[in-house]
């Protein structure tokens, strides 16, 4: 009953933790995948993805704007966790 899906790096807007799974959001859909967010963070960080909250990884190509407490993404706002404030500073400089 399992299937495999290919995601293009540029299509992924953000990833949300979902227990031992993760939700992958692209423009048209959301998919639940059998991979924890920590594992995805390790795999995707070299490709322009940043962990900005204990539950969220964002694709920097889809940032529209940011505020002190959140990033506005193509599909909505993603909160910035207090432990991840350095990520915001790094993203603002680059």
PDB file of N, CA and C in Angstrom:
ATOM      1  N   UNK A   1       0.794  -1.202   0.000  1.00  0.00           N
ATOM      2  CA  UNK A   1       0.000   0.000   0.000  1.00  0.00           C
ATOM      3  C   UNK A   1       0.836   1.266   0.000  1.00  0.00           C
ATOM      4  N   UNK A   2       2.142   1.149  -0.081  1.00  0.00           N
ATOM      5  CA  UNK A   2       2.980   2.353  -0.103  1.00  0.00           C
ATOM      6  C   UNK A   2       3.287   2.748  -1.531  1.00  0.00           C
ATOM      7  N   UNK A   3       3.487   4.029  -1.710  1.00  0.00           N
ATOM      8  CA  UNK A   3       3.891   4.517  -3.029  1.00  0.00           C
ATOM      9  C   UNK A   3       5.047   5.500  -2.831  1.00  0.00           C
ATOM     10  N   UNK A   4       5.756   5.746  -3.885  1.00  0.00           N
ATOM     11  CA  UNK A   4       6.874   6.679  -3.862  1.00  0.00           C
ATOM     12  C   UNK A   4       6.541   7.863  -4.740  1.00  0.00           C
ATOM     13  N   UNK A   5       6.891   9.048  -4.270  1.00  0.00           N
ATOM     14  CA  UNK A   5       6.619  10.268  -5.019  1.00  0.00           C
ATOM     15  C   UNK A   5       7.896  11.067  -5.108  1.00  0.00           C
ATOM     16  N   UNK A   6       8.114  11.637  -6.278  1.00  0.00           N
ATOM     17  CA  UNK A   6       9.269  12.491  -6.514  1.00  0.00           C
ATOM     18  C   UNK A   6       8.847  13.943  -6.311  1.00  0.00           C
ATOM     19  N   UNK A   7       9.634  14.689  -5.520  1.00  0.00           N
ATOM     20  CA  UNK A   7       9.396  16.112  -5.305  1.00  0.00           C
ATOM     21  C   UNK A   7      10.576  16.880  -5.877  1.00  0.00           C
ATOM     22  N   UNK A   8      10.303  17.907  -6.642  1.00  0.00           N
ATOM     23  CA  UNK A   8      11.358  18.794  -7.111  1.00  0.00           C
ATOM     24  C   UNK A   8      11.675  19.790  -6.002  1.00  0.00           C
ATOM     25  N   UNK A   9      12.957  20.066  -5.782  1.00  0.00           N
ATOM     26  CA  UNK A   9      13.362  20.963  -4.707  1.00  0.00           C
ATOM     27  C   UNK A   9      12.633  22.304  -4.770  1.00  0.00           C
ATOM     28  N   UNK A  10      12.515  22.877  -5.950  1.00  0.00           N
ATOM     29  CA  UNK A  10      11.896  24.193  -6.079  1.00  0.00           C
ATOM     30  C   UNK A  10      10.394  24.182  -5.811  1.00  0.00           C
ATOM     31  N   UNK A  11       9.753  23.024  -5.930  1.00  0.00           N
ATOM     32  CA  UNK A  11       8.304  22.940  -5.733  1.00  0.00           C
ATOM     33  C   UNK A  11       7.895  22.904  -4.262  1.00  0.00           C
ATOM     34  N   UNK A  12       8.784  22.453  -3.395  1.00  0.00           N
ATOM     35  CA  UNK A  12       8.455  22.348  -1.976  1.00  0.00           C
ATOM     36  C   UNK A  12       8.499  23.745  -1.351  1.00  0.00           C
ATOM     37  N   UNK A  13       7.396  24.152  -0.747  1.00  0.00           N
ATOM     38  CA  UNK A  13       7.313  25.465  -0.112  1.00  0.00           C
ATOM     39  C   UNK A  13       7.760  25.372   1.339  1.00  0.00           C
ATOM     40  N   UNK A  14       7.195  24.414   2.063  1.00  0.00           N
ATOM     41  CA  UNK A  14       7.647  24.160   3.426  1.00  0.00           C
ATOM     42  C   UNK A  14       7.269  22.749   3.844  1.00  0.00           C
ATOM     43  N   UNK A  15       7.865  22.341   4.952  1.00  0.00           N
ATOM     44  CA  UNK A  15       7.625  21.018   5.506  1.00  0.00           C
ATOM     45  C   UNK A  15       7.228  21.208   6.966  1.00  0.00           C
ATOM     46  N   UNK A  16       6.214  20.467   7.389  1.00  0.00           N
ATOM     47  CA  UNK A  16       5.717  20.567   8.756  1.00  0.00           C
ATOM     48  C   UNK A  16       5.838  19.215   9.450  1.00  0.00           C
ATOM     49  N   UNK A  17       6.327  19.215  10.688  1.00  0.00           N
ATOM     50  CA  UNK A  17       6.386  17.986  11.478  1.00  0.00           C
ATOM     51  C   UNK A  17       4.963  17.496  11.740  1.00  0.00           C
ATOM     52  N   UNK A  18       4.811  16.177  11.722  1.00  0.00           N
ATOM     53  CA  UNK A  18       3.493  15.568  11.921  1.00  0.00           C
ATOM     54  C   UNK A  18       3.712  14.254  12.668  1.00  0.00           C
ATOM     55  N   UNK A  19       4.108  14.377  13.935  1.00  0.00           N
ATOM     56  CA  UNK A  19       4.452  13.205  14.731  1.00  0.00           C
ATOM     57  C   UNK A  19       5.718  12.569  14.179  1.00  0.00           C
ATOM     58  N   UNK A  20       5.671  11.261  13.907  1.00  0.00           N
ATOM     59  CA  UNK A  20       6.836  10.592  13.320  1.00  0.00           C
ATOM     60  C   UNK A  20       6.860  10.740  11.803  1.00  0.00           C
ATOM     61  N   UNK A  21       5.891  11.443  11.254  1.00  0.00           N
ATOM     62  CA  UNK A  21       5.802  11.716   9.824  1.00  0.00           C
ATOM     63  C   UNK A  21       6.068  13.201   9.575  1.00  0.00           C
ATOM     64  N   UNK A  22       5.986  13.594   8.325  1.00  0.00           N
ATOM     65  CA  UNK A  22       6.091  15.014   7.963  1.00  0.00           C
ATOM     66  C   UNK A  22       5.077  15.310   6.870  1.00  0.00           C
ATOM     67  N   UNK A  23       4.616  16.544   6.848  1.00  0.00           N
ATOM     68  CA  UNK A  23       3.742  17.014   5.777  1.00  0.00           C
ATOM     69  C   UNK A  23       4.586  17.874   4.843  1.00  0.00           C
ATOM     70  N   UNK A  24       4.545  17.572   3.561  1.00  0.00           N
ATOM     71  CA  UNK A  24       5.262  18.331   2.546  1.00  0.00           C
ATOM     72  C   UNK A  24       4.231  19.155   1.784  1.00  0.00           C
ATOM     73  N   UNK A  25       4.418  20.468   1.778  1.00  0.00           N
ATOM     74  CA  UNK A  25       3.487  21.371   1.100  1.00  0.00           C
ATOM     75  C   UNK A  25       4.102  21.864  -0.192  1.00  0.00           C
ATOM     76  N   UNK A  26       3.386  21.647  -1.289  1.00  0.00           N
ATOM     77  CA  UNK A  26       3.736  22.235  -2.572  1.00  0.00           C
ATOM     78  C   UNK A  26       2.572  23.136  -2.965  1.00  0.00           C
ATOM     79  N   UNK A  27       2.685  23.858  -4.067  1.00  0.00           N
ATOM     80  CA  UNK A  27       1.644  24.832  -4.421  1.00  0.00           C
ATOM     81  C   UNK A  27       0.251  24.235  -4.501  1.00  0.00           C
ATOM     82  N   UNK A  28       0.135  23.052  -5.042  1.00  0.00           N
ATOM     83  CA  UNK A  28      -1.183  22.499  -5.319  1.00  0.00           C
ATOM     84  C   UNK A  28      -1.661  21.451  -4.332  1.00  0.00           C
ATOM     85  N   UNK A  29      -0.777  20.934  -3.477  1.00  0.00           N
ATOM     86  CA  UNK A  29      -1.154  19.818  -2.621  1.00  0.00           C
ATOM     87  C   UNK A  29      -0.316  19.756  -1.356  1.00  0.00           C
ATOM     88  N   UNK A  30      -0.729  18.837  -0.475  1.00  0.00           N
ATOM     89  CA  UNK A  30       0.019  18.502   0.715  1.00  0.00           C
ATOM     90  C   UNK A  30       0.116  16.982   0.746  1.00  0.00           C
ATOM     91  N   UNK A  31       1.299  16.485   1.107  1.00  0.00           N
ATOM     92  CA  UNK A  31       1.519  15.048   1.166  1.00  0.00           C
ATOM     93  C   UNK A  31       2.093  14.688   2.529  1.00  0.00           C
ATOM     94  N   UNK A  32       1.609  13.601   3.108  1.00  0.00           N
ATOM     95  CA  UNK A  32       2.181  13.076   4.337  1.00  0.00           C
ATOM     96  C   UNK A  32       3.200  12.024   3.931  1.00  0.00           C
ATOM     97  N   UNK A  33       4.421  12.183   4.443  1.00  0.00           N
ATOM     98  CA  UNK A  33       5.474  11.235   4.098  1.00  0.00           C
ATOM     99  C   UNK A  33       6.007  10.560   5.361  1.00  0.00           C
ATOM    100  N   UNK A  34       6.544   9.389   5.179  1.00  0.00           N
ATOM    101  CA  UNK A  34       7.043   8.574   6.286  1.00  0.00           C
ATOM    102  C   UNK A  34       8.514   8.913   6.566  1.00  0.00           C
ATOM    103  N   UNK A  35       8.738  10.139   6.999  1.00  0.00           N
ATOM    104  CA  UNK A  35      10.100  10.617   7.274  1.00  0.00           C
ATOM    105  C   UNK A  35       9.999  11.694   8.348  1.00  0.00           C
ATOM    106  N   UNK A  36      10.746  11.574   9.441  1.00  0.00           N
ATOM    107  CA  UNK A  36      10.682  12.617  10.479  1.00  0.00           C
ATOM    108  C   UNK A  36      11.356  13.911  10.019  1.00  0.00           C
ATOM    109  N   UNK A  37      10.947  15.006  10.609  1.00  0.00           N
ATOM    110  CA  UNK A  37      11.443  16.314  10.186  1.00  0.00           C
ATOM    111  C   UNK A  37      12.951  16.452  10.404  1.00  0.00           C
ATOM    112  N   UNK A  38      13.497  15.844  11.438  1.00  0.00           N
ATOM    113  CA  UNK A  38      14.941  15.923  11.686  1.00  0.00           C
ATOM    114  C   UNK A  38      15.729  15.303  10.540  1.00  0.00           C
ATOM    115  N   UNK A  39      15.266  14.189  10.044  1.00  0.00           N
ATOM    116  CA  UNK A  39      15.926  13.520   8.912  1.00  0.00           C
ATOM    117  C   UNK A  39      15.852  14.387   7.651  1.00  0.00           C
ATOM    118  N   UNK A  40      14.696  15.007   7.429  1.00  0.00           N
ATOM    119  CA  UNK A  40      14.539  15.880   6.258  1.00  0.00           C
ATOM    120  C   UNK A  40      15.411  17.123   6.371  1.00  0.00           C
ATOM    121  N   UNK A  41      15.540  17.647   7.578  1.00  0.00           N
ATOM    122  CA  UNK A  41      16.404  18.814   7.783  1.00  0.00           C
ATOM    123  C   UNK A  41      17.842  18.488   7.381  1.00  0.00           C
ATOM    124  N   UNK A  42      18.324  17.353   7.792  1.00  0.00           N
ATOM    125  CA  UNK A  42      19.691  16.948   7.455  1.00  0.00           C
ATOM    126  C   UNK A  42      19.881  16.769   5.951  1.00  0.00           C
ATOM    127  N   UNK A  43      18.883  16.211   5.297  1.00  0.00           N
ATOM    128  CA  UNK A  43      18.985  15.949   3.856  1.00  0.00           C
ATOM    129  C   UNK A  43      18.822  17.203   3.012  1.00  0.00           C
ATOM    130  N   UNK A  44      17.983  18.137   3.452  1.00  0.00           N
ATOM    131  CA  UNK A  44      17.625  19.281   2.616  1.00  0.00           C
ATOM    132  C   UNK A  44      18.409  20.564   2.895  1.00  0.00           C
ATOM    133  N   UNK A  45      19.080  20.660   4.018  1.00  0.00           N
ATOM    134  CA  UNK A  45      19.773  21.913   4.355  1.00  0.00           C
ATOM    135  C   UNK A  45      20.781  22.370   3.296  1.00  0.00           C
ATOM    136  N   UNK A  46      21.476  21.474   2.584  1.00  0.00           N
ATOM    137  CA  UNK A  46      22.389  21.971   1.534  1.00  0.00           C
ATOM    138  C   UNK A  46      21.678  22.577   0.316  1.00  0.00           C
ATOM    139  N   UNK A  47      20.361  22.439   0.247  1.00  0.00           N
ATOM    140  CA  UNK A  47      19.605  22.864  -0.934  1.00  0.00           C
ATOM    141  C   UNK A  47      18.719  24.080  -0.691  1.00  0.00           C
ATOM    142  N   UNK A  48      19.040  24.900   0.293  1.00  0.00           N
ATOM    143  CA  UNK A  48      18.282  26.136   0.505  1.00  0.00           C
ATOM    144  C   UNK A  48      17.082  25.988   1.421  1.00  0.00           C
ATOM    145  N   UNK A  49      17.091  24.992   2.277  1.00  0.00           N
ATOM    146  CA  UNK A  49      16.018  24.791   3.250  1.00  0.00           C
ATOM    147  C   UNK A  49      16.561  25.080   4.636  1.00  0.00           C
ATOM    148  N   UNK A  50      15.756  25.782   5.455  1.00  0.00           N
ATOM    149  CA  UNK A  50      16.180  26.133   6.801  1.00  0.00           C
ATOM    150  C   UNK A  50      15.108  25.766   7.808  1.00  0.00           C
ATOM    151  N   UNK A  51      15.550  25.227   8.921  1.00  0.00           N
ATOM    152  CA  UNK A  51      14.653  24.948  10.045  1.00  0.00           C
ATOM    153  C   UNK A  51      14.456  26.265  10.769  1.00  0.00           C
ATOM    154  N   UNK A  52      13.214  26.714  10.896  1.00  0.00           N
ATOM    155  CA  UNK A  52      12.919  27.992  11.539  1.00  0.00           C
ATOM    156  C   UNK A  52      12.024  27.827  12.771  1.00  0.00           C
ATOM    157  N   UNK A  53      11.669  26.589  13.055  1.00  0.00           N
ATOM    158  CA  UNK A  53      10.773  26.272  14.169  1.00  0.00           C
ATOM    159  C   UNK A  53      10.907  24.781  14.418  1.00  0.00           C
ATOM    160  N   UNK A  54      10.585  24.328  15.614  1.00  0.00           N
ATOM    161  CA  UNK A  54      10.715  22.893  15.881  1.00  0.00           C
ATOM    162  C   UNK A  54       9.816  22.073  14.958  1.00  0.00           C
ATOM    163  N   UNK A  55       8.798  22.690  14.388  1.00  0.00           N
ATOM    164  CA  UNK A  55       7.857  21.978  13.525  1.00  0.00           C
ATOM    165  C   UNK A  55       7.927  22.363  12.052  1.00  0.00           C
ATOM    166  N   UNK A  56       8.823  23.289  11.664  1.00  0.00           N
ATOM    167  CA  UNK A  56       8.805  23.766  10.286  1.00  0.00           C
ATOM    168  C   UNK A  56      10.198  23.904   9.677  1.00  0.00           C
ATOM    169  N   UNK A  57      10.293  23.502   8.424  1.00  0.00           N
ATOM    170  CA  UNK A  57      11.437  23.748   7.555  1.00  0.00           C
ATOM    171  C   UNK A  57      10.885  24.527   6.364  1.00  0.00           C
ATOM    172  N   UNK A  58      11.571  25.603   5.979  1.00  0.00           N
ATOM    173  CA  UNK A  58      11.090  26.400   4.849  1.00  0.00           C
ATOM    174  C   UNK A  58      12.084  26.368   3.696  1.00  0.00           C
ATOM    175  N   UNK A  59      11.562  26.586   2.504  1.00  0.00           N
ATOM    176  CA  UNK A  59      12.370  26.749   1.296  1.00  0.00           C
ATOM    177  C   UNK A  59      12.558  28.255   1.120  1.00  0.00           C
ATOM    178  N   UNK A  60      13.803  28.726   1.176  1.00  0.00           N
ATOM    179  CA  UNK A  60      14.033  30.174   1.129  1.00  0.00           C
ATOM    180  C   UNK A  60      13.576  30.806  -0.185  1.00  0.00           C
ATOM    181  N   UNK A  61      13.425  30.013  -1.224  1.00  0.00           N
ATOM    182  CA  UNK A  61      12.961  30.563  -2.508  1.00  0.00           C
ATOM    183  C   UNK A  61      11.496  30.983  -2.461  1.00  0.00           C
ATOM    184  N   UNK A  62      10.762  30.531  -1.445  1.00  0.00           N
ATOM    185  CA  UNK A  62       9.340  30.849  -1.354  1.00  0.00           C
ATOM    186  C   UNK A  62       9.018  31.851  -0.246  1.00  0.00           C
ATOM    187  N   UNK A  63      10.041  32.534   0.284  1.00  0.00           N
ATOM    188  CA  UNK A  63       9.794  33.589   1.278  1.00  0.00           C
ATOM    189  C   UNK A  63       9.300  34.833   0.549  1.00  0.00           C
ATOM    190  N   UNK A  64       8.165  35.339   0.979  1.00  0.00           N
ATOM    191  CA  UNK A  64       7.600  36.568   0.410  1.00  0.00           C
ATOM    192  C   UNK A  64       8.065  37.767   1.236  1.00  0.00           C
ATOM    193  N   UNK A  65       7.987  37.643   2.565  1.00  0.00           N
ATOM    194  CA  UNK A  65       8.449  38.692   3.483  1.00  0.00           C
ATOM    195  C   UNK A  65       8.626  38.060   4.859  1.00  0.00           C
ATOM    196  N   UNK A  66       9.086  38.858   5.818  1.00  0.00           N
ATOM    197  CA  UNK A  66       9.222  38.339   7.174  1.00  0.00           C
ATOM    198  C   UNK A  66       8.947  39.433   8.184  1.00  0.00           C
ATOM    199  N   UNK A  67       8.587  38.991   9.367  1.00  0.00           N
ATOM    200  CA  UNK A  67       8.363  39.865  10.515  1.00  0.00           C
ATOM    201  C   UNK A  67       9.192  39.314  11.671  1.00  0.00           C
ATOM    202  N   UNK A  68       9.118  39.929  12.802  1.00  0.00           N
ATOM    203  CA  UNK A  68       9.903  39.486  13.963  1.00  0.00           C
ATOM    204  C   UNK A  68       9.561  38.056  14.374  1.00  0.00           C
ATOM    205  N   UNK A  69       8.320  37.647  14.156  1.00  0.00           N
ATOM    206  CA  UNK A  69       7.898  36.343  14.663  1.00  0.00           C
ATOM    207  C   UNK A  69       7.502  35.337  13.593  1.00  0.00           C
ATOM    208  N   UNK A  70       7.571  35.714  12.305  1.00  0.00           N
ATOM    209  CA  UNK A  70       7.147  34.754  11.277  1.00  0.00           C
ATOM    210  C   UNK A  70       7.695  35.107   9.895  1.00  0.00           C
ATOM    211  N   UNK A  71       7.685  34.104   9.043  1.00  0.00           N
ATOM    212  CA  UNK A  71       7.986  34.283   7.629  1.00  0.00           C
ATOM    213  C   UNK A  71       6.689  34.178   6.867  1.00  0.00           C
ATOM    214  N   UNK A  72       6.461  35.097   5.945  1.00  0.00           N
ATOM    215  CA  UNK A  72       5.318  34.974   5.046  1.00  0.00           C
ATOM    216  C   UNK A  72       5.804  34.187   3.846  1.00  0.00           C
ATOM    217  N   UNK A  73       5.173  33.045   3.632  1.00  0.00           N
ATOM    218  CA  UNK A  73       5.540  32.158   2.531  1.00  0.00           C
ATOM    219  C   UNK A  73       4.479  32.246   1.450  1.00  0.00           C
ATOM    220  N   UNK A  74       4.735  31.619   0.332  1.00  0.00           N
ATOM    221  CA  UNK A  74       3.783  31.588  -0.773  1.00  0.00           C
ATOM    222  C   UNK A  74       2.421  31.065  -0.324  1.00  0.00           C
ATOM    223  N   UNK A  75       2.396  30.124   0.627  1.00  0.00           N
ATOM    224  CA  UNK A  75       1.139  29.521   1.089  1.00  0.00           C
ATOM    225  C   UNK A  75       0.689  29.979   2.471  1.00  0.00           C
ATOM    226  N   UNK A  76       1.287  31.000   3.037  1.00  0.00           N
ATOM    227  CA  UNK A  76       0.865  31.450   4.360  1.00  0.00           C
ATOM    228  C   UNK A  76       2.042  31.743   5.268  1.00  0.00           C
ATOM    229  N   UNK A  77       1.741  32.002   6.529  1.00  0.00           N
ATOM    230  CA  UNK A  77       2.767  32.379   7.499  1.00  0.00           C
ATOM    231  C   UNK A  77       3.305  31.163   8.242  1.00  0.00           C
ATOM    232  N   UNK A  78       4.611  31.180   8.479  1.00  0.00           N
ATOM    233  CA  UNK A  78       5.290  30.142   9.246  1.00  0.00           C
ATOM    234  C   UNK A  78       5.932  30.828  10.452  1.00  0.00           C
ATOM    235  N   UNK A  79       5.635  30.362  11.667  1.00  0.00           N
ATOM    236  CA  UNK A  79       6.212  31.007  12.853  1.00  0.00           C
ATOM    237  C   UNK A  79       7.713  30.743  12.965  1.00  0.00           C
ATOM    238  N   UNK A  80       8.409  31.673  13.614  1.00  0.00           N
ATOM    239  CA  UNK A  80       9.836  31.505  13.910  1.00  0.00           C
ATOM    240  C   UNK A  80       9.933  31.125  15.382  1.00  0.00           C
ATOM    241  N   UNK A  81      10.506  29.968  15.651  1.00  0.00           N
ATOM    242  CA  UNK A  81      10.674  29.520  17.025  1.00  0.00           C
ATOM    243  C   UNK A  81      11.762  30.305  17.735  1.00  0.00           C
ATOM    244  N   UNK A  82      11.624  30.460  19.038  1.00  0.00           N
ATOM    245  CA  UNK A  82      12.611  31.240  19.796  1.00  0.00           C
ATOM    246  C   UNK A  82      14.009  30.632  19.706  1.00  0.00           C
ATOM    247  N   UNK A  83      14.108  29.331  19.555  1.00  0.00           N
ATOM    248  CA  UNK A  83      15.414  28.676  19.422  1.00  0.00           C
ATOM    249  C   UNK A  83      16.007  28.826  18.019  1.00  0.00           C
ATOM    250  N   UNK A  84      15.254  29.397  17.100  1.00  0.00           N
ATOM    251  CA  UNK A  84      15.687  29.492  15.705  1.00  0.00           C
ATOM    252  C   UNK A  84      15.829  30.935  15.233  1.00  0.00           C
ATOM    253  N   UNK A  85      15.940  31.893  16.143  1.00  0.00           N
ATOM    254  CA  UNK A  85      16.089  33.304  15.766  1.00  0.00           C
ATOM    255  C   UNK A  85      17.347  33.523  14.922  1.00  0.00           C
ATOM    256  N   UNK A  86      18.412  32.739  15.158  1.00  0.00           N
ATOM    257  CA  UNK A  86      19.640  32.859  14.368  1.00  0.00           C
ATOM    258  C   UNK A  86      19.369  32.545  12.903  1.00  0.00           C
ATOM    259  N   UNK A  87      18.464  31.615  12.627  1.00  0.00           N
ATOM    260  CA  UNK A  87      18.131  31.275  11.232  1.00  0.00           C
ATOM    261  C   UNK A  87      17.587  32.497  10.526  1.00  0.00           C
ATOM    262  N   UNK A  88      16.741  33.264  11.215  1.00  0.00           N
ATOM    263  CA  UNK A  88      16.173  34.474  10.607  1.00  0.00           C
ATOM    264  C   UNK A  88      17.277  35.473  10.287  1.00  0.00           C
ATOM    265  N   UNK A  89      18.206  35.664  11.228  1.00  0.00           N
ATOM    266  CA  UNK A  89      19.299  36.605  10.989  1.00  0.00           C
ATOM    267  C   UNK A  89      20.134  36.175   9.797  1.00  0.00           C
ATOM    268  N   UNK A  90      20.404  34.885   9.706  1.00  0.00           N
ATOM    269  CA  UNK A  90      21.195  34.364   8.588  1.00  0.00           C
ATOM    270  C   UNK A  90      20.463  34.553   7.265  1.00  0.00           C
ATOM    271  N   UNK A  91      19.173  34.280   7.246  1.00  0.00           N
ATOM    272  CA  UNK A  91      18.392  34.418   6.024  1.00  0.00           C
ATOM    273  C   UNK A  91      18.273  35.875   5.586  1.00  0.00           C
ATOM    274  N   UNK A  92      18.249  36.780   6.529  1.00  0.00           N
ATOM    275  CA  UNK A  92      18.121  38.203   6.200  1.00  0.00           C
ATOM    276  C   UNK A  92      19.417  38.758   5.621  1.00  0.00           C
ATOM    277  N   UNK A  93      20.530  38.193   6.002  1.00  0.00           N
ATOM    278  CA  UNK A  93      21.829  38.673   5.515  1.00  0.00           C
ATOM    279  C   UNK A  93      22.094  38.174   4.113  1.00  0.00           C
ATOM    280  N   UNK A  94      21.698  36.932   3.808  1.00  0.00           N
ATOM    281  CA  UNK A  94      22.010  36.352   2.501  1.00  0.00           C
ATOM    282  C   UNK A  94      21.027  36.762   1.454  1.00  0.00           C
TER     283      UNK A  94
END
